[in-house]
C-alpha atoms as a PDB file:
ATOM      1  CA  UNK A   1       0.000   0.000   0.000  1.00  0.00           C
ATOM      2  CA  UNK A   2       1.347   3.383  -0.985  1.00  0.00           C
ATOM      3  CA  UNK A   3       0.996   5.892   1.785  1.00  0.00           C
ATOM      4  CA  UNK A   4       0.811   9.644   1.423  1.00  0.00           C
ATOM      5  CA  UNK A   5       4.407  10.205   2.535  1.00  0.00           C
ATOM      6  CA  UNK A   6       5.783   7.390   0.375  1.00  0.00           C
ATOM      7  CA  UNK A   7       4.110   8.865  -2.691  1.00  0.00           C
ATOM      8  CA  UNK A   8       5.471  12.316  -1.894  1.00  0.00           C
ATOM      9  CA  UNK A   9       8.964  10.913  -1.333  1.00  0.00           C
ATOM     10  CA  UNK A  10       8.876   8.975  -4.620  1.00  0.00           C
ATOM     11  CA  UNK A  11       7.764  12.042  -6.538  1.00  0.00           C
ATOM     12  CA  UNK A  12      10.519  14.159  -4.960  1.00  0.00           C
ATOM     13  CA  UNK A  13      13.113  11.519  -5.888  1.00  0.00           C
ATOM     14  CA  UNK A  14      11.719  11.408  -9.424  1.00  0.00           C
ATOM     15  CA  UNK A  15      12.248  15.183  -9.710  1.00  0.00           C
ATOM     16  CA  UNK A  16      15.817  14.864  -8.396  1.00  0.00           C
ATOM     17  CA  UNK A  17      16.646  11.983 -10.768  1.00  0.00           C
ATOM     18  CA  UNK A  18      15.150  13.865 -13.729  1.00  0.00           C
ATOM     19  CA  UNK A  19      17.170  16.949 -12.871  1.00  0.00           C
ATOM     20  CA  UNK A  20      20.488  15.121 -12.706  1.00  0.00           C
ATOM     21  CA  UNK A  21      19.753  12.972 -15.761  1.00  0.00           C
ATOM     22  CA  UNK A  22      19.037  16.116 -17.784  1.00  0.00           C
ATOM     23  CA  UNK A  23      22.178  17.748 -16.395  1.00  0.00           C
ATOM     24  CA  UNK A  24      24.287  14.761 -17.470  1.00  0.00           C
ATOM     25  CA  UNK A  25      22.797  14.808 -20.983  1.00  0.00           C
ATOM     26  CA  UNK A  26      23.377  18.571 -21.187  1.00  0.00           C
ATOM     27  CA  UNK A  27      27.040  18.260 -20.205  1.00  0.00           C
ATOM     28  CA  UNK A  28      27.470  15.093 -22.267  1.00  0.00           C
ATOM     29  CA  UNK A  29      26.416  16.692 -25.549  1.00  0.00           C
ATOM     30  CA  UNK A  30      28.790  19.592 -24.899  1.00  0.00           C
ATOM     31  CA  UNK A  31      31.709  17.250 -24.272  1.00  0.00           C
ATOM     32  CA  UNK A  32      30.805  14.972 -27.171  1.00  0.00           C
ATOM     33  CA  UNK A  33      30.587  17.813 -29.660  1.00  0.00           C
ATOM     34  CA  UNK A  34      33.783  19.441 -28.358  1.00  0.00           C
ATOM     35  CA  UNK A  35      35.656  16.148 -28.713  1.00  0.00           C
ATOM     36  CA  UNK A  36      34.255  14.707 -31.947  1.00  0.00           C
ATOM     37  CA  UNK A  37      33.416  17.581 -34.292  1.00  0.00           C
ATOM     38  CA  UNK A  38      35.659  19.298 -36.837  1.00  0.00           C
ATOM     39  CA  UNK A  39      37.841  22.218 -35.759  1.00  0.00           C
ATOM     40  CA  UNK A  40      37.962  23.621 -39.293  1.00  0.00           C
ATOM     41  CA  UNK A  41      35.121  24.164 -41.766  1.00  0.00           C
ATOM     42  CA  UNK A  42      34.551  21.246 -44.131  1.00  0.00           C
ATOM     43  CA  UNK A  43      32.389  22.157 -47.135  1.00  0.00           C
ATOM     44  CA  UNK A  44      32.367  18.570 -48.422  1.00  0.00           C
ATOM     45  CA  UNK A  45      30.544  17.399 -45.287  1.00  0.00           C
ATOM     46  CA  UNK A  46      28.534  20.651 -45.013  1.00  0.00           C
ATOM     47  CA  UNK A  47      30.180  21.370 -41.639  1.00  0.00           C
ATOM     48  CA  UNK A  48      30.346  25.117 -42.081  1.00  0.00           C
ATOM     49  CA  UNK A  49      28.337  26.476 -39.135  1.00  0.00           C
ATOM     50  CA  UNK A  50      30.602  27.727 -36.368  1.00  0.00           C
ATOM     51  CA  UNK A  51      29.551  26.695 -32.855  1.00  0.00           C
ATOM     52  CA  UNK A  52      31.248  27.551 -29.570  1.00  0.00           C
ATOM     53  CA  UNK A  53      31.014  24.793 -26.958  1.00  0.00           C
ATOM     54  CA  UNK A  54      32.664  23.733 -23.701  1.00  0.00           C
ATOM     55  CA  UNK A  55      34.228  26.974 -22.453  1.00  0.00           C
ATOM     56  CA  UNK A  56      35.134  28.433 -25.829  1.00  0.00           C
ATOM     57  CA  UNK A  57      36.035  25.465 -28.029  1.00  0.00           C
ATOM     58  CA  UNK A  58      35.145  26.427 -31.588  1.00  0.00           C
ATOM     59  CA  UNK A  59      33.836  23.633 -33.790  1.00  0.00           C
ATOM     60  CA  UNK A  60      32.074  23.420 -37.136  1.00  0.00           C
ATOM     61  CA  UNK A  61      28.838  21.495 -37.562  1.00  0.00           C
ATOM     62  CA  UNK A  62      26.237  20.861 -40.212  1.00  0.00           C
ATOM     63  CA  UNK A  63      22.765  22.369 -39.986  1.00  0.00           C
ATOM     64  CA  UNK A  64      21.316  19.024 -38.851  1.00  0.00           C
ATOM     65  CA  UNK A  65      23.930  18.702 -36.092  1.00  0.00           C
ATOM     66  CA  UNK A  66      23.215  22.249 -34.983  1.00  0.00           C
ATOM     67  CA  UNK A  67      19.476  21.448 -34.788  1.00  0.00           C
ATOM     68  CA  UNK A  68      20.183  18.326 -32.721  1.00  0.00           C
ATOM     69  CA  UNK A  69      22.481  20.306 -30.420  1.00  0.00           C
ATOM     70  CA  UNK A  70      20.088  23.205 -29.841  1.00  0.00           C
ATOM     71  CA  UNK A  71      17.085  20.893 -29.468  1.00  0.00           C
ATOM     72  CA  UNK A  72      18.864  18.713 -26.918  1.00  0.00           C
ATOM     73  CA  UNK A  73      20.107  21.726 -24.964  1.00  0.00           C
ATOM     74  CA  UNK A  74      16.624  23.287 -24.952  1.00  0.00           C
ATOM     75  CA  UNK A  75      14.868  20.109 -23.812  1.00  0.00           C
ATOM     76  CA  UNK A  76      17.391  19.360 -21.076  1.00  0.00           C
ATOM     77  CA  UNK A  77      17.243  22.899 -19.708  1.00  0.00           C
ATOM     78  CA  UNK A  78      13.439  22.746 -19.738  1.00  0.00           C
ATOM     79  CA  UNK A  79      13.482  19.404 -17.880  1.00  0.00           C
ATOM     80  CA  UNK A  80      15.907  20.797 -15.299  1.00  0.00           C
ATOM     81  CA  UNK A  81      13.774  23.890 -14.734  1.00  0.00           C
ATOM     82  CA  UNK A  82      10.536  21.907 -14.468  1.00  0.00           C
ATOM     83  CA  UNK A  83      12.023  19.350 -12.079  1.00  0.00           C
ATOM     84  CA  UNK A  84      13.621  22.054  -9.926  1.00  0.00           C
ATOM     85  CA  UNK A  85      10.400  24.076  -9.824  1.00  0.00           C
ATOM     86  CA  UNK A  86       8.289  20.961  -9.240  1.00  0.00           C
ATOM     87  CA  UNK A  87      10.416  19.852  -6.302  1.00  0.00           C
ATOM     88  CA  UNK A  88      10.376  23.354  -4.839  1.00  0.00           C
ATOM     89  CA  UNK A  89       6.627  23.758  -5.246  1.00  0.00           C
ATOM     90  CA  UNK A  90       6.002  20.331  -3.731  1.00  0.00           C
ATOM     91  CA  UNK A  91       8.184  21.215  -0.759  1.00  0.00           C
ATOM     92  CA  UNK A  92       6.442  24.556  -0.307  1.00  0.00           C
ATOM     93  CA  UNK A  93       2.805  23.702  -0.969  1.00  0.00           C
ATOM     94  CA  UNK A  94       2.202  19.980  -0.474  1.00  0.00           C
ATOM     95  CA  UNK A  95       1.515  19.394   3.196  1.00  0.00           C
ATOM     96  CA  UNK A  96       3.831  17.216   5.244  1.00  0.00           C
ATOM     97  CA  UNK A  97       2.799  14.188   7.279  1.00  0.00           C
ATOM     98  CA  UNK A  98       1.592  16.275  10.209  1.00  0.00           C
ATOM     99  CA  UNK A  99      -0.887  18.054   7.959  1.00  0.00           C
ATOM    100  CA  UNK A 100      -2.079  14.971   6.065  1.00  0.00           C
ATOM    101  CA  UNK A 101      -5.756  14.075   6.336  1.00  0.00           C
ATOM    102  CA  UNK A 102      -6.355  11.483   9.043  1.00  0.00           C
ATOM    103  CA  UNK A 103      -2.783  11.734  10.288  1.00  0.00           C
ATOM    104  CA  UNK A 104      -1.916  10.375  13.714  1.00  0.00           C
ATOM    105  CA  UNK A 105       1.405  12.250  13.764  1.00  0.00           C
ATOM    106  CA  UNK A 106       1.796  14.864  16.498  1.00  0.00           C
ATOM    107  CA  UNK A 107       0.883  18.381  15.377  1.00  0.00           C
ATOM    108  CA  UNK A 108       3.571  20.877  14.472  1.00  0.00           C
ATOM    109  CA  UNK A 109       4.641  23.231  17.229  1.00  0.00           C
ATOM    110  CA  UNK A 110       3.386  26.762  16.750  1.00  0.00           C
ATOM    111  CA  UNK A 111       5.533  29.784  17.489  1.00  0.00           C
END
């Protein structure tokens, strides 16, 4: 049986895992492109678009590679923002065990 607190804990962990997974993909594409793409323009392969990655490394990519790069970066940043905001909003607005309906936990002390 899934209790209220277990569900909340699982959702919080899901947000944390999503955040770090997106962060790893974000860093991974930077490192991959910086390591594996051409340093000089190559018209034969259509790698003529200049892209600066990984603290100033200049590489040349094709239009398709640029679209993959920008799409991946956009999606991973969106996932990180949503997971960070979701975890923060859950922490701020979803009641804890003391406030759960039918809870037998002792009430919170008031100041």
